[in-house]
Amino acid sequence: MGLFTRSKTRTSRKPTRRERRAAERTAQAEARLRDTEKKIHEIASEVRSDLRRSA
């Protein structure tokens, strides 16, 4: 059927500046998200330990 096949010329070309910048922004956003998730888990662990101590 060939709906999801890529043409050979598209796969071997150099990424454009716009694509490189978008990839960089994506990587930065993913890094910020990982940091945020880590902080959330740390806060949740602190809250759980505080609740255990107070109970």
N, C-alpha and C. Protein backbone atom coordinates (compact mmCIF):
# COMPACT_ATOMS: atom_id res chain seq x y z
N MET A 1 0.83 -1.19 0.00
CA MET A 1 0.00 0.00 0.00
C MET A 1 0.87 1.25 0.00
N GLY A 2 1.90 1.30 0.86
CA GLY A 2 2.88 2.37 0.79
C GLY A 2 2.46 3.71 1.38
N LEU A 3 1.49 3.73 2.27
CA LEU A 3 1.07 5.01 2.85
C LEU A 3 2.10 5.59 3.79
N PHE A 4 2.84 4.74 4.48
CA PHE A 4 3.74 5.23 5.51
C PHE A 4 5.21 5.10 5.13
N THR A 5 5.49 4.89 3.87
CA THR A 5 6.89 4.78 3.45
C THR A 5 7.44 6.16 3.12
N ARG A 6 8.70 6.36 3.43
CA ARG A 6 9.35 7.64 3.15
C ARG A 6 10.11 7.54 1.84
N SER A 7 10.21 8.65 1.16
CA SER A 7 11.02 8.64 -0.05
C SER A 7 12.49 8.67 0.33
N LYS A 8 13.33 8.14 -0.53
CA LYS A 8 14.76 8.04 -0.24
C LYS A 8 15.41 9.41 -0.11
N THR A 9 14.97 10.39 -0.87
CA THR A 9 15.61 11.70 -0.84
C THR A 9 15.36 12.42 0.48
N ARG A 10 14.23 12.19 1.11
CA ARG A 10 13.91 12.87 2.36
C ARG A 10 14.74 12.36 3.53
N THR A 11 15.14 11.10 3.50
CA THR A 11 15.84 10.52 4.64
C THR A 11 17.33 10.87 4.63
N SER A 12 17.90 11.19 3.50
CA SER A 12 19.34 11.40 3.45
C SER A 12 19.73 12.88 3.46
N ARG A 13 18.77 13.76 3.53
CA ARG A 13 19.10 15.19 3.48
C ARG A 13 19.49 15.72 4.85
N LYS A 14 20.21 16.81 4.86
CA LYS A 14 20.62 17.47 6.10
C LYS A 14 19.41 18.23 6.68
N PRO A 15 19.22 18.18 8.00
CA PRO A 15 18.09 18.91 8.59
C PRO A 15 18.25 20.42 8.39
N THR A 16 17.14 21.08 8.20
CA THR A 16 17.18 22.54 8.03
C THR A 16 17.45 23.20 9.36
N ARG A 17 17.80 24.47 9.32
CA ARG A 17 18.04 25.23 10.56
C ARG A 17 16.79 25.23 11.43
N ARG A 18 15.64 25.37 10.80
CA ARG A 18 14.37 25.37 11.54
C ARG A 18 14.18 24.03 12.26
N GLU A 19 14.48 22.93 11.57
CA GLU A 19 14.32 21.62 12.19
C GLU A 19 15.32 21.42 13.32
N ARG A 20 16.53 21.89 13.14
CA ARG A 20 17.53 21.76 14.21
C ARG A 20 17.12 22.57 15.43
N ARG A 21 16.62 23.79 15.20
CA ARG A 21 16.18 24.62 16.33
C ARG A 21 14.98 24.00 17.03
N ALA A 22 14.07 23.43 16.25
CA ALA A 22 12.91 22.77 16.85
C ALA A 22 13.35 21.57 17.69
N ALA A 23 14.31 20.81 17.18
CA ALA A 23 14.81 19.65 17.94
C ALA A 23 15.49 20.11 19.22
N GLU A 24 16.21 21.22 19.14
CA GLU A 24 16.87 21.76 20.33
C GLU A 24 15.85 22.21 21.37
N ARG A 25 14.81 22.92 20.91
CA ARG A 25 13.76 23.36 21.83
C ARG A 25 13.06 22.16 22.46
N THR A 26 12.82 21.13 21.67
CA THR A 26 12.18 19.93 22.19
C THR A 26 13.05 19.28 23.26
N ALA A 27 14.34 19.19 22.99
CA ALA A 27 15.26 18.58 23.96
C ALA A 27 15.28 19.39 25.25
N GLN A 28 15.29 20.71 25.14
CA GLN A 28 15.28 21.56 26.33
C GLN A 28 13.98 21.39 27.11
N ALA A 29 12.87 21.33 26.40
CA ALA A 29 11.57 21.17 27.06
C ALA A 29 11.51 19.81 27.77
N GLU A 30 12.04 18.78 27.13
CA GLU A 30 12.05 17.46 27.77
C GLU A 30 12.92 17.45 29.01
N ALA A 31 14.05 18.16 28.97
CA ALA A 31 14.92 18.23 30.14
C ALA A 31 14.22 18.97 31.28
N ARG A 32 13.52 20.06 30.97
CA ARG A 32 12.77 20.79 32.00
C ARG A 32 11.67 19.91 32.58
N LEU A 33 11.02 19.15 31.72
CA LEU A 33 9.96 18.26 32.19
C LEU A 33 10.51 17.20 33.13
N ARG A 34 11.67 16.63 32.78
CA ARG A 34 12.30 15.63 33.67
C ARG A 34 12.62 16.25 35.02
N ASP A 35 13.15 17.48 35.01
CA ASP A 35 13.47 18.16 36.28
C ASP A 35 12.21 18.39 37.10
N THR A 36 11.16 18.83 36.43
CA THR A 36 9.90 19.10 37.12
C THR A 36 9.33 17.82 37.72
N GLU A 37 9.35 16.74 36.93
CA GLU A 37 8.84 15.47 37.44
C GLU A 37 9.66 14.98 38.63
N LYS A 38 10.97 15.18 38.57
CA LYS A 38 11.83 14.78 39.68
C LYS A 38 11.46 15.56 40.95
N LYS A 39 11.24 16.88 40.80
CA LYS A 39 10.85 17.70 41.94
C LYS A 39 9.51 17.25 42.51
N ILE A 40 8.58 16.92 41.63
CA ILE A 40 7.27 16.46 42.07
C ILE A 40 7.40 15.19 42.90
N HIS A 41 8.22 14.25 42.42
CA HIS A 41 8.40 13.00 43.15
C HIS A 41 9.09 13.24 44.49
N GLU A 42 10.05 14.17 44.53
CA GLU A 42 10.72 14.49 45.79
C GLU A 42 9.74 15.08 46.79
N ILE A 43 8.91 16.01 46.32
CA ILE A 43 7.91 16.64 47.21
C ILE A 43 6.92 15.59 47.70
N ALA A 44 6.48 14.72 46.80
CA ALA A 44 5.52 13.68 47.19
C ALA A 44 6.14 12.75 48.23
N SER A 45 7.41 12.42 48.07
CA SER A 45 8.08 11.57 49.06
C SER A 45 8.16 12.26 50.41
N GLU A 46 8.47 13.55 50.39
CA GLU A 46 8.52 14.30 51.65
C GLU A 46 7.17 14.33 52.33
N VAL A 47 6.12 14.56 51.56
CA VAL A 47 4.78 14.62 52.13
C VAL A 47 4.39 13.27 52.71
N ARG A 48 4.70 12.19 51.99
CA ARG A 48 4.37 10.86 52.50
C ARG A 48 5.10 10.58 53.80
N SER A 49 6.39 10.95 53.86
CA SER A 49 7.14 10.69 55.10
C SER A 49 6.61 11.57 56.24
N ASP A 50 6.22 12.81 55.94
CA ASP A 50 5.63 13.67 56.98
C ASP A 50 4.31 13.08 57.48
N LEU A 51 3.51 12.57 56.58
CA LEU A 51 2.23 11.98 56.99
C LEU A 51 2.45 10.74 57.85
N ARG A 52 3.45 9.96 57.51
CA ARG A 52 3.74 8.76 58.31
C ARG A 52 4.20 9.15 59.73
N ARG A 53 5.03 10.20 59.80
CA ARG A 53 5.51 10.64 61.11
C ARG A 53 4.40 11.20 61.97
N SER A 54 3.47 11.92 61.36
CA SER A 54 2.41 12.56 62.13
C SER A 54 1.31 11.58 62.51
N ALA A 55 1.23 10.46 61.83
CA ALA A 55 0.15 9.50 62.12
C ALA A 55 0.44 8.64 63.34
